Amino acid sequence: MSRIGKRPITVPDKVNIKIDGKNINVKGPNGVLDYTFNEEMGVVQEGTELKIVVEKETKNSNALWGLTRTLIANMVTGVTDGFTKDLEFNGVGYKAAVQGTKLVLNLGYSHPIEYDLPEGVAAKVNKNTISISGASKELVGFTAAKVRSFRPPEPYKGKGVKYADETIVRKAGKTGGKA
């Protein structure tokens, strides 16, 4: 039995949930999210709680049970509070700016990188920090990973784009090996 899947999801007053067969629609102050869950799972709404139930017992049903519960709980959290990922960039001449729905990055290449932000994701730039936020945890994480991939941090000088909570293991240069 899945310990995560057994726990009910508490639904705040501001959130409307619509279950239609194997589709669930979660609507709140930060937007609307949809999800189609596996045919082995079912969702039952009891008052202000959602319970995930296993409809077909298979080898994968325990894993899918916890996964489905977590994804739906993230949807409820996303439409109420939202998710945020912070990125830091370090390097001489590195700059970032938001122009409409585009994130423009100057990361030491001969050209600026213009990245179109997906719908439902917003970005803010403050000095050397990029804050990416939105209702979908998956989309926010994907966007942050994509922006980081334009110039990943290098271990010698620490230049590049990294997550705010990421630590870069620094290496010694050529002279570091001599005793």
N, C-alpha and C. Protein backbone atom coordinates (compact mmCIF):
# COMPACT_ATOMS: atom_id res chain seq x y z
N MET A 1 0.83 -1.19 0.00
CA MET A 1 0.00 0.00 0.00
C MET A 1 0.88 1.24 0.00
N SER A 2 0.45 2.22 -0.74
CA SER A 2 1.18 3.47 -0.84
C SER A 2 0.84 4.38 0.34
N ARG A 3 1.88 4.79 1.08
CA ARG A 3 1.64 5.70 2.20
C ARG A 3 1.25 7.08 1.72
N ILE A 4 1.81 7.49 0.59
CA ILE A 4 1.48 8.80 0.05
C ILE A 4 0.08 8.78 -0.56
N GLY A 5 -0.24 7.73 -1.29
CA GLY A 5 -1.53 7.65 -1.96
C GLY A 5 -2.71 7.59 -1.02
N LYS A 6 -2.51 7.07 0.20
CA LYS A 6 -3.61 6.95 1.16
C LYS A 6 -4.05 8.29 1.72
N ARG A 7 -3.14 9.27 1.76
CA ARG A 7 -3.46 10.55 2.38
C ARG A 7 -4.45 11.35 1.52
N PRO A 8 -5.48 11.91 2.13
CA PRO A 8 -6.42 12.74 1.36
C PRO A 8 -5.82 14.11 1.05
N ILE A 9 -6.34 14.75 0.00
CA ILE A 9 -5.89 16.08 -0.40
C ILE A 9 -6.96 17.07 0.08
N THR A 10 -6.54 18.03 0.88
CA THR A 10 -7.46 19.06 1.36
C THR A 10 -7.59 20.14 0.30
N VAL A 11 -8.82 20.48 -0.06
CA VAL A 11 -9.08 21.47 -1.10
C VAL A 11 -9.53 22.77 -0.44
N PRO A 12 -8.80 23.88 -0.66
CA PRO A 12 -9.20 25.17 -0.09
C PRO A 12 -10.52 25.66 -0.69
N ASP A 13 -11.13 26.66 -0.04
CA ASP A 13 -12.41 27.20 -0.49
C ASP A 13 -12.31 27.86 -1.86
N LYS A 14 -11.16 28.48 -2.17
CA LYS A 14 -11.00 29.23 -3.42
C LYS A 14 -10.87 28.33 -4.65
N VAL A 15 -10.71 27.02 -4.45
CA VAL A 15 -10.42 26.10 -5.56
C VAL A 15 -11.67 25.33 -5.95
N ASN A 16 -11.94 25.30 -7.27
CA ASN A 16 -13.03 24.49 -7.81
C ASN A 16 -12.44 23.29 -8.53
N ILE A 17 -12.98 22.10 -8.24
CA ILE A 17 -12.49 20.88 -8.86
C ILE A 17 -13.63 20.23 -9.62
N LYS A 18 -13.33 19.84 -10.86
CA LYS A 18 -14.32 19.17 -11.70
C LYS A 18 -13.71 17.86 -12.18
N ILE A 19 -14.35 16.74 -11.83
CA ILE A 19 -13.88 15.42 -12.22
C ILE A 19 -14.81 14.90 -13.31
N ASP A 20 -14.22 14.56 -14.46
CA ASP A 20 -14.99 14.08 -15.59
C ASP A 20 -14.34 12.80 -16.11
N GLY A 21 -14.78 11.65 -15.61
CA GLY A 21 -14.17 10.38 -16.02
C GLY A 21 -12.75 10.28 -15.49
N LYS A 22 -11.80 10.24 -16.42
CA LYS A 22 -10.38 10.15 -16.05
C LYS A 22 -9.67 11.50 -16.16
N ASN A 23 -10.44 12.58 -16.30
CA ASN A 23 -9.87 13.93 -16.37
C ASN A 23 -10.23 14.68 -15.10
N ILE A 24 -9.30 15.51 -14.64
CA ILE A 24 -9.58 16.37 -13.50
C ILE A 24 -9.19 17.79 -13.90
N ASN A 25 -10.03 18.75 -13.55
CA ASN A 25 -9.82 20.15 -13.85
C ASN A 25 -9.80 20.90 -12.53
N VAL A 26 -8.69 21.60 -12.26
CA VAL A 26 -8.53 22.34 -11.01
C VAL A 26 -8.44 23.82 -11.37
N LYS A 27 -9.35 24.62 -10.79
CA LYS A 27 -9.43 26.04 -11.10
C LYS A 27 -9.29 26.83 -9.81
N GLY A 28 -8.39 27.83 -9.83
CA GLY A 28 -8.17 28.64 -8.65
C GLY A 28 -7.75 30.05 -9.02
N PRO A 29 -7.32 30.84 -8.03
CA PRO A 29 -6.95 32.23 -8.30
C PRO A 29 -5.76 32.39 -9.25
N ASN A 30 -4.85 31.41 -9.30
CA ASN A 30 -3.67 31.53 -10.16
C ASN A 30 -3.84 30.90 -11.53
N GLY A 31 -4.99 30.31 -11.83
CA GLY A 31 -5.18 29.74 -13.16
C GLY A 31 -5.95 28.44 -13.13
N VAL A 32 -5.91 27.75 -14.26
CA VAL A 32 -6.63 26.49 -14.45
C VAL A 32 -5.62 25.44 -14.91
N LEU A 33 -5.67 24.26 -14.29
CA LEU A 33 -4.80 23.14 -14.68
C LEU A 33 -5.64 21.90 -14.94
N ASP A 34 -5.26 21.13 -15.96
CA ASP A 34 -5.95 19.90 -16.32
C ASP A 34 -4.98 18.74 -16.23
N TYR A 35 -5.51 17.56 -15.92
CA TYR A 35 -4.68 16.35 -15.86
C TYR A 35 -5.55 15.14 -16.19
N THR A 36 -5.04 14.25 -17.00
CA THR A 36 -5.71 12.99 -17.30
C THR A 36 -4.93 11.90 -16.59
N PHE A 37 -5.55 11.25 -15.60
CA PHE A 37 -4.84 10.24 -14.84
C PHE A 37 -5.06 8.85 -15.43
N ASN A 38 -4.29 7.89 -14.96
CA ASN A 38 -4.27 6.53 -15.48
C ASN A 38 -5.60 5.83 -15.24
N GLU A 39 -5.94 4.90 -16.11
CA GLU A 39 -7.22 4.18 -15.98
C GLU A 39 -7.26 3.26 -14.76
N GLU A 40 -6.12 2.98 -14.15
CA GLU A 40 -6.09 2.15 -12.94
C GLU A 40 -6.49 2.93 -11.69
N MET A 41 -6.48 4.27 -11.79
CA MET A 41 -6.76 5.13 -10.64
C MET A 41 -8.15 5.76 -10.75
N GLY A 42 -8.64 6.22 -9.63
CA GLY A 42 -9.90 6.95 -9.59
C GLY A 42 -9.80 8.05 -8.55
N VAL A 43 -10.58 9.11 -8.72
CA VAL A 43 -10.58 10.23 -7.78
C VAL A 43 -12.00 10.40 -7.25
N VAL A 44 -12.11 10.46 -5.92
CA VAL A 44 -13.41 10.62 -5.28
C VAL A 44 -13.37 11.91 -4.45
N GLN A 45 -14.38 12.77 -4.63
CA GLN A 45 -14.44 14.01 -3.87
C GLN A 45 -15.46 13.84 -2.75
N GLU A 46 -15.00 14.05 -1.52
CA GLU A 46 -15.85 13.95 -0.34
C GLU A 46 -15.77 15.27 0.42
N GLY A 47 -16.71 16.16 0.17
CA GLY A 47 -16.71 17.47 0.83
C GLY A 47 -15.54 18.30 0.36
N THR A 48 -14.65 18.66 1.29
CA THR A 48 -13.48 19.46 0.94
C THR A 48 -12.23 18.61 0.81
N GLU A 49 -12.39 17.31 0.63
CA GLU A 49 -11.23 16.42 0.48
C GLU A 49 -11.35 15.61 -0.80
N LEU A 50 -10.19 15.33 -1.38
CA LEU A 50 -10.10 14.43 -2.52
C LEU A 50 -9.38 13.17 -2.08
N LYS A 51 -9.89 12.02 -2.49
CA LYS A 51 -9.22 10.76 -2.18
C LYS A 51 -8.92 10.04 -3.49
N ILE A 52 -7.73 9.50 -3.57
CA ILE A 52 -7.32 8.74 -4.74
C ILE A 52 -7.54 7.27 -4.41
N VAL A 53 -8.23 6.55 -5.28
CA VAL A 53 -8.51 5.13 -5.05
C VAL A 53 -7.95 4.31 -6.21
N VAL A 54 -7.56 3.08 -5.89
CA VAL A 54 -7.07 2.16 -6.90
C VAL A 54 -8.26 1.36 -7.42
N GLU A 55 -8.50 1.45 -8.75
CA GLU A 55 -9.62 0.73 -9.34
C GLU A 55 -9.22 -0.64 -9.87
N LYS A 56 -7.97 -0.77 -10.35
CA LYS A 56 -7.47 -2.05 -10.85
C LYS A 56 -6.15 -2.35 -10.16
N GLU A 57 -6.04 -3.52 -9.53
CA GLU A 57 -4.80 -3.91 -8.87
C GLU A 57 -3.84 -4.51 -9.90
N THR A 58 -2.70 -3.85 -10.10
CA THR A 58 -1.64 -4.36 -10.97
C THR A 58 -0.30 -4.14 -10.28
N LYS A 59 0.78 -4.54 -10.97
CA LYS A 59 2.11 -4.33 -10.41
C LYS A 59 2.40 -2.83 -10.21
N ASN A 60 1.94 -2.02 -11.15
CA ASN A 60 2.24 -0.59 -11.11
C ASN A 60 1.28 0.23 -10.26
N SER A 61 0.21 -0.37 -9.78
CA SER A 61 -0.84 0.43 -9.14
C SER A 61 -0.35 1.19 -7.90
N ASN A 62 0.55 0.63 -7.11
CA ASN A 62 1.06 1.35 -5.94
C ASN A 62 1.84 2.60 -6.34
N ALA A 63 2.70 2.45 -7.35
CA ALA A 63 3.49 3.59 -7.80
C ALA A 63 2.59 4.66 -8.41
N LEU A 64 1.62 4.24 -9.20
CA LEU A 64 0.70 5.18 -9.83
C LEU A 64 -0.19 5.86 -8.80
N TRP A 65 -0.51 5.16 -7.73
CA TRP A 65 -1.36 5.70 -6.68
C TRP A 65 -0.69 6.92 -6.04
N GLY A 66 0.55 6.75 -5.61
CA GLY A 66 1.28 7.86 -5.00
C GLY A 66 1.57 8.98 -6.00
N LEU A 67 1.89 8.61 -7.24
CA LEU A 67 2.16 9.61 -8.27
C LEU A 67 0.93 10.45 -8.56
N THR A 68 -0.22 9.80 -8.73
CA THR A 68 -1.45 10.52 -9.03
C THR A 68 -1.81 11.47 -7.90
N ARG A 69 -1.68 11.01 -6.66
CA ARG A 69 -1.99 11.85 -5.51
C ARG A 69 -1.07 13.07 -5.46
N THR A 70 0.22 12.86 -5.71
CA THR A 70 1.19 13.95 -5.67
C THR A 70 0.93 14.96 -6.79
N LEU A 71 0.64 14.49 -7.99
CA LEU A 71 0.40 15.40 -9.11
C LEU A 71 -0.85 16.26 -8.86
N ILE A 72 -1.91 15.64 -8.33
CA ILE A 72 -3.13 16.40 -8.07
C ILE A 72 -2.92 17.38 -6.91
N ALA A 73 -2.17 16.97 -5.89
CA ALA A 73 -1.86 17.87 -4.77
C ALA A 73 -1.03 19.06 -5.26
N ASN A 74 -0.10 18.82 -6.19
CA ASN A 74 0.69 19.91 -6.76
C ASN A 74 -0.18 20.86 -7.59
N MET A 75 -1.19 20.32 -8.26
CA MET A 75 -2.11 21.17 -9.02
C MET A 75 -2.88 22.09 -8.08
N VAL A 76 -3.36 21.54 -6.96
CA VAL A 76 -4.11 22.34 -5.99
C VAL A 76 -3.20 23.42 -5.39
N THR A 77 -1.97 23.07 -5.05
CA THR A 77 -1.02 24.04 -4.52
C THR A 77 -0.68 25.10 -5.56
N GLY A 78 -0.53 24.68 -6.81
CA GLY A 78 -0.17 25.60 -7.89
C GLY A 78 -1.22 26.66 -8.15
N VAL A 79 -2.50 26.27 -8.15
CA VAL A 79 -3.54 27.26 -8.44
C VAL A 79 -3.85 28.15 -7.24
N THR A 80 -3.39 27.77 -6.05
CA THR A 80 -3.59 28.64 -4.88
C THR A 80 -2.35 29.50 -4.62
N ASP A 81 -1.19 28.89 -4.46
CA ASP A 81 0.03 29.63 -4.11
C ASP A 81 0.98 29.82 -5.28
N GLY A 82 1.08 28.85 -6.17
CA GLY A 82 2.02 28.91 -7.28
C GLY A 82 3.37 28.35 -6.88
N PHE A 83 4.24 28.17 -7.85
CA PHE A 83 5.58 27.65 -7.63
C PHE A 83 6.60 28.63 -8.19
N THR A 84 7.78 28.67 -7.57
CA THR A 84 8.84 29.59 -7.98
C THR A 84 10.18 28.87 -7.97
N LYS A 85 10.98 29.13 -9.00
CA LYS A 85 12.36 28.65 -9.04
C LYS A 85 13.24 29.87 -9.26
N ASP A 86 14.30 29.99 -8.47
CA ASP A 86 15.23 31.11 -8.60
C ASP A 86 16.53 30.63 -9.21
N LEU A 87 17.02 31.39 -10.18
CA LEU A 87 18.29 31.10 -10.83
C LEU A 87 19.22 32.29 -10.61
N GLU A 88 20.51 32.01 -10.47
CA GLU A 88 21.51 33.07 -10.35
C GLU A 88 22.47 32.94 -11.51
N PHE A 89 22.91 34.08 -12.04
CA PHE A 89 23.92 34.04 -13.09
C PHE A 89 25.12 34.88 -12.68
N ASN A 90 26.30 34.34 -12.93
CA ASN A 90 27.56 34.98 -12.56
C ASN A 90 28.47 34.99 -13.78
N GLY A 91 29.09 36.12 -14.03
CA GLY A 91 30.03 36.22 -15.13
C GLY A 91 30.15 37.67 -15.57
N VAL A 92 31.29 38.01 -16.13
CA VAL A 92 31.54 39.38 -16.57
C VAL A 92 30.66 39.66 -17.79
N GLY A 93 29.84 40.69 -17.68
CA GLY A 93 28.98 41.08 -18.80
C GLY A 93 27.71 40.26 -18.94
N TYR A 94 27.44 39.35 -18.03
CA TYR A 94 26.22 38.56 -18.11
C TYR A 94 25.03 39.42 -17.68
N LYS A 95 24.01 39.43 -18.51
CA LYS A 95 22.82 40.24 -18.22
C LYS A 95 21.57 39.46 -18.59
N ALA A 96 20.46 39.82 -17.97
CA ALA A 96 19.17 39.23 -18.31
C ALA A 96 18.11 40.31 -18.23
N ALA A 97 17.08 40.18 -19.09
CA ALA A 97 15.97 41.13 -19.09
C ALA A 97 14.73 40.42 -19.59
N VAL A 98 13.58 40.89 -19.14
CA VAL A 98 12.31 40.35 -19.61
C VAL A 98 11.68 41.39 -20.54
N GLN A 99 11.38 40.98 -21.78
CA GLN A 99 10.74 41.85 -22.75
C GLN A 99 9.44 41.19 -23.19
N GLY A 100 8.34 41.58 -22.57
CA GLY A 100 7.05 40.95 -22.88
C GLY A 100 7.02 39.52 -22.40
N THR A 101 6.89 38.58 -23.33
CA THR A 101 6.90 37.16 -22.97
C THR A 101 8.23 36.50 -23.31
N LYS A 102 9.26 37.32 -23.54
CA LYS A 102 10.58 36.79 -23.87
C LYS A 102 11.56 37.09 -22.75
N LEU A 103 12.44 36.14 -22.52
CA LEU A 103 13.55 36.33 -21.59
C LEU A 103 14.80 36.48 -22.44
N VAL A 104 15.43 37.65 -22.37
CA VAL A 104 16.62 37.94 -23.19
C VAL A 104 17.84 37.80 -22.30
N LEU A 105 18.75 36.92 -22.68
CA LEU A 105 19.94 36.62 -21.88
C LEU A 105 21.21 36.94 -22.67
N ASN A 106 22.13 37.66 -22.05
CA ASN A 106 23.47 37.87 -22.60
C ASN A 106 24.41 37.08 -21.70
N LEU A 107 24.89 35.95 -22.20
CA LEU A 107 25.67 35.03 -21.36
C LEU A 107 27.08 34.79 -21.93
N GLY A 108 27.66 35.81 -22.53
CA GLY A 108 29.03 35.69 -23.00
C GLY A 108 29.15 35.14 -24.40
N TYR A 109 28.06 34.85 -25.07
CA TYR A 109 28.11 34.41 -26.46
C TYR A 109 28.15 35.65 -27.35
N SER A 110 28.36 35.45 -28.64
CA SER A 110 28.42 36.58 -29.57
C SER A 110 27.04 37.16 -29.87
N HIS A 111 26.00 36.51 -29.40
CA HIS A 111 24.63 36.94 -29.67
C HIS A 111 23.78 36.80 -28.41
N PRO A 112 22.75 37.61 -28.26
CA PRO A 112 21.85 37.41 -27.12
C PRO A 112 20.94 36.21 -27.36
N ILE A 113 20.56 35.55 -26.30
CA ILE A 113 19.65 34.40 -26.38
C ILE A 113 18.26 34.90 -26.01
N GLU A 114 17.30 34.72 -26.93
CA GLU A 114 15.92 35.10 -26.67
C GLU A 114 15.11 33.84 -26.47
N TYR A 115 14.58 33.68 -25.27
CA TYR A 115 13.80 32.49 -24.93
C TYR A 115 12.35 32.89 -24.72
N ASP A 116 11.44 32.31 -25.52
CA ASP A 116 10.01 32.56 -25.36
C ASP A 116 9.51 31.78 -24.17
N LEU A 117 8.98 32.48 -23.18
CA LEU A 117 8.45 31.82 -21.99
C LEU A 117 7.15 31.09 -22.34
N PRO A 118 6.97 29.87 -21.84
CA PRO A 118 5.71 29.15 -22.10
C PRO A 118 4.52 29.88 -21.48
N GLU A 119 3.35 29.61 -22.01
CA GLU A 119 2.14 30.23 -21.48
C GLU A 119 1.91 29.74 -20.06
N GLY A 120 1.64 30.66 -19.15
CA GLY A 120 1.43 30.32 -17.76
C GLY A 120 2.67 30.46 -16.90
N VAL A 121 3.78 30.87 -17.49
CA VAL A 121 5.04 31.05 -16.75
C VAL A 121 5.47 32.50 -16.88
N ALA A 122 5.85 33.10 -15.76
CA ALA A 122 6.33 34.48 -15.75
C ALA A 122 7.75 34.52 -15.19
N ALA A 123 8.51 35.52 -15.61
CA ALA A 123 9.89 35.66 -15.13
C ALA A 123 10.11 37.09 -14.66
N LYS A 124 10.91 37.23 -13.61
CA LYS A 124 11.33 38.55 -13.12
C LYS A 124 12.84 38.52 -12.97
N VAL A 125 13.47 39.64 -13.29
CA VAL A 125 14.92 39.73 -13.16
C VAL A 125 15.24 40.81 -12.15
N ASN A 126 16.11 40.46 -11.17
CA ASN A 126 16.54 41.40 -10.14
C ASN A 126 18.04 41.25 -9.98
N LYS A 127 18.80 42.23 -10.46
CA LYS A 127 20.27 42.21 -10.45
C LYS A 127 20.78 40.95 -11.13
N ASN A 128 21.32 39.98 -10.37
CA ASN A 128 21.84 38.76 -11.01
C ASN A 128 20.98 37.54 -10.68
N THR A 129 19.68 37.76 -10.44
CA THR A 129 18.76 36.67 -10.11
C THR A 129 17.58 36.67 -11.07
N ILE A 130 17.23 35.50 -11.58
CA ILE A 130 16.06 35.33 -12.41
C ILE A 130 15.07 34.50 -11.59
N SER A 131 13.86 35.00 -11.42
CA SER A 131 12.83 34.30 -10.67
C SER A 131 11.75 33.84 -11.65
N ILE A 132 11.56 32.54 -11.78
CA ILE A 132 10.59 31.96 -12.70
C ILE A 132 9.44 31.42 -11.86
N SER A 133 8.20 31.85 -12.18
CA SER A 133 7.06 31.43 -11.38
C SER A 133 5.87 31.08 -12.28
N GLY A 134 4.98 30.25 -11.72
CA GLY A 134 3.79 29.85 -12.44
C GLY A 134 2.97 28.87 -11.61
N ALA A 135 1.84 28.44 -12.15
CA ALA A 135 0.95 27.53 -11.43
C ALA A 135 1.35 26.07 -11.60
N SER A 136 1.94 25.71 -12.73
CA SER A 136 2.31 24.32 -13.00
C SER A 136 3.74 24.05 -12.54
N LYS A 137 3.90 23.16 -11.59
CA LYS A 137 5.23 22.84 -11.07
C LYS A 137 6.12 22.25 -12.16
N GLU A 138 5.54 21.42 -13.02
CA GLU A 138 6.28 20.79 -14.10
C GLU A 138 6.79 21.84 -15.09
N LEU A 139 5.96 22.78 -15.47
CA LEU A 139 6.33 23.80 -16.44
C LEU A 139 7.36 24.78 -15.88
N VAL A 140 7.22 25.13 -14.60
CA VAL A 140 8.20 26.02 -13.96
C VAL A 140 9.57 25.33 -13.88
N GLY A 141 9.59 24.06 -13.50
CA GLY A 141 10.85 23.32 -13.42
C GLY A 141 11.49 23.14 -14.78
N PHE A 142 10.68 22.85 -15.80
CA PHE A 142 11.21 22.69 -17.15
C PHE A 142 11.81 23.99 -17.67
N THR A 143 11.11 25.11 -17.44
CA THR A 143 11.61 26.41 -17.90
C THR A 143 12.91 26.77 -17.20
N ALA A 144 12.98 26.54 -15.90
CA ALA A 144 14.22 26.84 -15.16
C ALA A 144 15.37 25.97 -15.67
N ALA A 145 15.12 24.70 -15.93
CA ALA A 145 16.16 23.81 -16.44
C ALA A 145 16.62 24.23 -17.83
N LYS A 146 15.68 24.69 -18.66
CA LYS A 146 16.02 25.14 -20.01
C LYS A 146 16.89 26.39 -19.96
N VAL A 147 16.54 27.35 -19.10
CA VAL A 147 17.33 28.58 -18.98
C VAL A 147 18.72 28.24 -18.44
N ARG A 148 18.80 27.32 -17.48
CA ARG A 148 20.10 26.92 -16.93
C ARG A 148 20.96 26.25 -18.00
N SER A 149 20.33 25.53 -18.94
CA SER A 149 21.08 24.79 -19.95
C SER A 149 21.75 25.70 -20.98
N PHE A 150 21.36 26.98 -21.06
CA PHE A 150 22.01 27.89 -22.01
C PHE A 150 23.46 28.16 -21.64
N ARG A 151 23.78 28.17 -20.34
CA ARG A 151 25.16 28.34 -19.88
C ARG A 151 25.27 27.71 -18.50
N PRO A 152 25.45 26.37 -18.43
CA PRO A 152 25.57 25.72 -17.12
C PRO A 152 26.82 26.23 -16.38
N PRO A 153 26.82 26.20 -15.06
CA PRO A 153 27.98 26.70 -14.32
C PRO A 153 29.21 25.82 -14.54
N GLU A 154 30.35 26.48 -14.66
CA GLU A 154 31.59 25.72 -14.84
C GLU A 154 32.36 25.68 -13.52
N PRO A 155 33.12 24.63 -13.27
CA PRO A 155 33.68 24.41 -11.93
C PRO A 155 34.93 25.23 -11.59
N TYR A 156 35.54 25.93 -12.56
CA TYR A 156 36.80 26.62 -12.27
C TYR A 156 36.58 28.04 -11.75
N LYS A 157 35.76 28.81 -12.41
CA LYS A 157 35.51 30.18 -11.96
C LYS A 157 34.09 30.36 -11.43
N GLY A 158 33.23 29.38 -11.64
CA GLY A 158 31.85 29.45 -11.17
C GLY A 158 30.95 30.28 -12.06
N LYS A 159 31.40 30.58 -13.30
CA LYS A 159 30.59 31.38 -14.21
C LYS A 159 29.47 30.52 -14.78
N GLY A 160 28.35 31.15 -15.06
CA GLY A 160 27.23 30.45 -15.67
C GLY A 160 25.93 30.69 -14.92
N VAL A 161 24.90 29.94 -15.30
CA VAL A 161 23.58 30.06 -14.68
C VAL A 161 23.37 28.84 -13.79
N LYS A 162 23.02 29.08 -12.53
CA LYS A 162 22.80 27.98 -11.59
C LYS A 162 21.54 28.24 -10.78
N TYR A 163 21.00 27.18 -10.20
CA TYR A 163 19.87 27.34 -9.29
C TYR A 163 20.36 28.07 -8.04
N ALA A 164 19.47 28.81 -7.39
CA ALA A 164 19.87 29.60 -6.22
C ALA A 164 20.33 28.71 -5.07
N ASP A 165 19.74 27.52 -4.93
CA ASP A 165 20.12 26.63 -3.83
C ASP A 165 21.16 25.60 -4.24
N GLU A 166 21.69 25.70 -5.45
CA GLU A 166 22.68 24.75 -5.95
C GLU A 166 24.08 25.18 -5.51
N THR A 167 24.90 24.21 -5.10
CA THR A 167 26.29 24.52 -4.77
C THR A 167 27.18 23.93 -5.86
N ILE A 168 28.12 24.74 -6.30
CA ILE A 168 29.04 24.32 -7.36
C ILE A 168 30.33 23.86 -6.69
N VAL A 169 30.74 22.63 -6.95
CA VAL A 169 31.98 22.12 -6.42
C VAL A 169 33.10 22.71 -7.27
N ARG A 170 33.91 23.54 -6.64
CA ARG A 170 34.96 24.24 -7.37
C ARG A 170 36.21 23.37 -7.47
N LYS A 171 36.91 23.51 -8.61
CA LYS A 171 38.16 22.79 -8.83
C LYS A 171 39.32 23.75 -8.81
N ALA A 172 40.47 23.27 -8.44
CA ALA A 172 41.69 24.06 -8.51
C ALA A 172 42.18 24.09 -9.95
N GLY A 173 42.84 25.15 -10.32
CA GLY A 173 43.36 25.25 -11.68
C GLY A 173 44.60 24.40 -11.86
N LYS A 174 45.37 24.71 -12.91
CA LYS A 174 46.57 23.92 -13.23
C LYS A 174 47.60 23.97 -12.11
N THR A 175 47.72 25.11 -11.44
CA THR A 175 48.74 25.23 -10.40
C THR A 175 48.33 24.54 -9.12
N GLY A 176 47.05 24.15 -9.00
CA GLY A 176 46.57 23.53 -7.76
C GLY A 176 47.14 22.14 -7.53
N GLY A 177 47.57 21.45 -8.58
CA GLY A 177 48.06 20.08 -8.45
C GLY A 177 49.52 20.01 -8.01
N LYS A 178 50.27 21.09 -8.13
CA LYS A 178 51.69 21.08 -7.78
C LYS A 178 51.86 21.30 -6.29
N ALA A 179 52.80 20.59 -5.70
CA ALA A 179 53.03 20.72 -4.27
C ALA A 179 54.30 21.44 -3.95
